[in-house]
Amino acid sequence: MEAESLFPPISKEAIRRAKSRLALDGESVGTWASRNGFAAKTVYQVLSGSRRCIRGESARIAFALGLRPLPDDVPAPVSAHAATVATAAAAGSCDRRFGMQLGEPVR
């Protein structure tokens, strides 16, 4: 079963608009990619819809092309485990003992 994503699939309409913006600017995909520090192959994959753009370079490309909202606009999920780890890290005690149970508070 696939975990729920914060981002829905990118619509074909959004991809079409991004391609149109590049064309109206008179810029090729390869030129845009190199100017923005991305691999042209990955940009082509994003614009073809073959990448999900959830994390990594493809997500950064989607943000840069306006296909996804910027990360500040999306609320971050908070799990009990993440809160436990964050609390322990803030306290400065991150003990990774062998045999520690998953979800057990770090002391």
C-alpha atoms as a PDB file:
ATOM      1  CA  MET A   1       0.000   0.000   0.000  1.00  0.00           C
ATOM      2  CA  GLU A   2       1.381   3.388  -0.997  1.00  0.00           C
ATOM      3  CA  ALA A   3       1.777   6.098   1.641  1.00  0.00           C
ATOM      4  CA  GLU A   4      -0.396   9.174   1.206  1.00  0.00           C
ATOM      5  CA  SER A   5       1.497  11.993  -0.436  1.00  0.00           C
ATOM      6  CA  LEU A   6       1.285  15.676   0.403  1.00  0.00           C
ATOM      7  CA  PHE A   7       1.213  16.370  -3.316  1.00  0.00           C
ATOM      8  CA  PRO A   8      -1.460  15.178  -5.730  1.00  0.00           C
ATOM      9  CA  PRO A   9      -0.331  14.065  -9.198  1.00  0.00           C
ATOM     10  CA  ILE A  10       0.643  16.915 -11.498  1.00  0.00           C
ATOM     11  CA  SER A  11      -2.114  17.553 -14.010  1.00  0.00           C
ATOM     12  CA  LYS A  12      -1.523  17.397 -17.745  1.00  0.00           C
ATOM     13  CA  GLU A  13      -2.914  20.925 -17.935  1.00  0.00           C
ATOM     14  CA  ALA A  14      -0.233  22.227 -15.525  1.00  0.00           C
ATOM     15  CA  ILE A  15       2.479  20.534 -17.595  1.00  0.00           C
ATOM     16  CA  ARG A  16       1.016  22.034 -20.777  1.00  0.00           C
ATOM     17  CA  ARG A  17       1.057  25.518 -19.194  1.00  0.00           C
ATOM     18  CA  ALA A  18       4.698  25.094 -18.098  1.00  0.00           C
ATOM     19  CA  LYS A  19       5.708  24.049 -21.619  1.00  0.00           C
ATOM     20  CA  SER A  20       3.788  27.016 -23.043  1.00  0.00           C
ATOM     21  CA  ARG A  21       5.564  29.446 -20.691  1.00  0.00           C
ATOM     22  CA  LEU A  22       8.942  28.116 -21.859  1.00  0.00           C
ATOM     23  CA  ALA A  23       7.890  28.448 -25.498  1.00  0.00           C
ATOM     24  CA  LEU A  24       6.568  31.999 -24.969  1.00  0.00           C
ATOM     25  CA  ASP A  25       9.863  32.947 -23.318  1.00  0.00           C
ATOM     26  CA  GLY A  26      11.645  31.521 -26.368  1.00  0.00           C
ATOM     27  CA  GLU A  27      13.666  29.167 -24.189  1.00  0.00           C
ATOM     28  CA  SER A  28      14.299  25.500 -24.852  1.00  0.00           C
ATOM     29  CA  VAL A  29      13.936  22.926 -22.093  1.00  0.00           C
ATOM     30  CA  GLY A  30      17.676  22.214 -22.218  1.00  0.00           C
ATOM     31  CA  THR A  31      18.579  25.892 -21.898  1.00  0.00           C
ATOM     32  CA  TRP A  32      16.149  26.371 -19.010  1.00  0.00           C
ATOM     33  CA  ALA A  33      17.563  23.281 -17.295  1.00  0.00           C
ATOM     34  CA  SER A  34      21.196  24.392 -17.552  1.00  0.00           C
ATOM     35  CA  ARG A  35      20.361  27.978 -16.524  1.00  0.00           C
ATOM     36  CA  ASN A  36      18.606  26.664 -13.400  1.00  0.00           C
ATOM     37  CA  GLY A  37      21.189  23.989 -12.555  1.00  0.00           C
ATOM     38  CA  PHE A  38      19.116  20.914 -13.413  1.00  0.00           C
ATOM     39  CA  ALA A  39      19.841  17.891 -15.583  1.00  0.00           C
ATOM     40  CA  ALA A  40      18.022  18.355 -18.900  1.00  0.00           C
ATOM     41  CA  LYS A  41      17.027  14.673 -18.957  1.00  0.00           C
ATOM     42  CA  THR A  42      15.232  15.014 -15.612  1.00  0.00           C
ATOM     43  CA  VAL A  43      13.419  18.183 -16.744  1.00  0.00           C
ATOM     44  CA  TYR A  44      12.217  16.355 -19.874  1.00  0.00           C
ATOM     45  CA  GLN A  45      11.014  13.476 -17.661  1.00  0.00           C
ATOM     46  CA  VAL A  46       9.107  15.891 -15.410  1.00  0.00           C
ATOM     47  CA  LEU A  47       7.516  17.602 -18.415  1.00  0.00           C
ATOM     48  CA  SER A  48       6.553  14.255 -19.938  1.00  0.00           C
ATOM     49  CA  GLY A  49       4.781  13.238 -16.727  1.00  0.00           C
ATOM     50  CA  SER A  50       6.989  10.211 -16.098  1.00  0.00           C
ATOM     51  CA  ARG A  51       8.277  11.568 -12.755  1.00  0.00           C
ATOM     52  CA  ARG A  52       6.073  11.906  -9.671  1.00  0.00           C
ATOM     53  CA  CYS A  53       7.991  14.971  -8.410  1.00  0.00           C
ATOM     54  CA  ILE A  54       7.602  14.148  -4.737  1.00  0.00           C
ATOM     55  CA  ARG A  55      11.223  14.567  -3.601  1.00  0.00           C
ATOM     56  CA  GLY A  56      14.725  15.191  -4.840  1.00  0.00           C
ATOM     57  CA  GLU A  57      15.665  16.895  -8.072  1.00  0.00           C
ATOM     58  CA  SER A  58      12.329  16.240  -9.784  1.00  0.00           C
ATOM     59  CA  ALA A  59      10.484  17.957  -6.906  1.00  0.00           C
ATOM     60  CA  ARG A  60      12.840  20.958  -7.110  1.00  0.00           C
ATOM     61  CA  ILE A  61      12.186  21.126 -10.866  1.00  0.00           C
ATOM     62  CA  ALA A  62       8.423  21.013 -10.269  1.00  0.00           C
ATOM     63  CA  PHE A  63       8.729  23.890  -7.771  1.00  0.00           C
ATOM     64  CA  ALA A  64      10.870  25.921 -10.195  1.00  0.00           C
ATOM     65  CA  LEU A  65       8.434  25.360 -13.082  1.00  0.00           C
ATOM     66  CA  GLY A  66       5.443  26.229 -10.910  1.00  0.00           C
ATOM     67  CA  LEU A  67       3.987  22.725 -11.152  1.00  0.00           C
ATOM     68  CA  ARG A  68       3.935  22.315  -7.366  1.00  0.00           C
ATOM     69  CA  PRO A  69       3.323  24.817  -4.559  1.00  0.00           C
ATOM     70  CA  LEU A  70       6.443  25.955  -2.732  1.00  0.00           C
ATOM     71  CA  PRO A  71       7.231  23.903   0.405  1.00  0.00           C
ATOM     72  CA  ASP A  72       6.339  26.829   2.705  1.00  0.00           C
ATOM     73  CA  ASP A  73       2.769  26.690   1.377  1.00  0.00           C
ATOM     74  CA  VAL A  74       2.337  23.038   2.387  1.00  0.00           C
ATOM     75  CA  PRO A  75       1.882  22.042   6.042  1.00  0.00           C
ATOM     76  CA  ALA A  76       4.479  19.546   7.239  1.00  0.00           C
ATOM     77  CA  PRO A  77       3.118  16.267   8.631  1.00  0.00           C
ATOM     78  CA  VAL A  78       3.886  15.646  12.289  1.00  0.00           C
ATOM     79  CA  SER A  79       4.025  12.112  13.580  1.00  0.00           C
ATOM     80  CA  ALA A  80       4.500  10.965  17.149  1.00  0.00           C
ATOM     81  CA  HIS A  81       7.895   9.497  16.218  1.00  0.00           C
ATOM     82  CA  ALA A  82       9.044  12.737  14.559  1.00  0.00           C
ATOM     83  CA  ALA A  83       7.968  14.722  17.621  1.00  0.00           C
ATOM     84  CA  THR A  84       9.888  12.331  19.908  1.00  0.00           C
ATOM     85  CA  VAL A  85      13.047  12.593  17.803  1.00  0.00           C
ATOM     86  CA  ALA A  86      12.737  16.388  17.538  1.00  0.00           C
ATOM     87  CA  THR A  87      12.294  16.716  21.318  1.00  0.00           C
ATOM     88  CA  ALA A  88      15.334  14.515  21.984  1.00  0.00           C
ATOM     89  CA  ALA A  89      17.453  16.390  19.455  1.00  0.00           C
ATOM     90  CA  ALA A  90      16.496  19.723  21.027  1.00  0.00           C
ATOM     91  CA  ALA A  91      17.491  18.374  24.434  1.00  0.00           C
ATOM     92  CA  GLY A  92      20.874  17.336  23.024  1.00  0.00           C
ATOM     93  CA  SER A  93      20.567  13.695  24.007  1.00  0.00           C
ATOM     94  CA  CYS A  94      20.337  11.426  21.027  1.00  0.00           C
ATOM     95  CA  ASP A  95      21.273   7.999  22.384  1.00  0.00           C
ATOM     96  CA  ARG A  96      21.068   5.284  19.715  1.00  0.00           C
ATOM     97  CA  ARG A  97      21.387   2.248  21.966  1.00  0.00           C
ATOM     98  CA  PHE A  98      21.209  -1.246  20.510  1.00  0.00           C
ATOM     99  CA  GLY A  99      17.874  -2.856  21.281  1.00  0.00           C
ATOM    100  CA  MET A 100      15.943   0.385  21.474  1.00  0.00           C
ATOM    101  CA  GLN A 101      12.348  -0.189  20.440  1.00  0.00           C
ATOM    102  CA  LEU A 102      10.875   1.784  17.562  1.00  0.00           C
ATOM    103  CA  GLY A 103       8.797   4.647  18.916  1.00  0.00           C
ATOM    104  CA  GLU A 104      10.404   4.473  22.357  1.00  0.00           C
ATOM    105  CA  PRO A 105      11.280   7.966  23.640  1.00  0.00           C
ATOM    106  CA  VAL A 106      14.987   8.758  23.424  1.00  0.00           C
ATOM    107  CA  ARG A 107      16.481   9.489  26.845  1.00  0.00           C
END
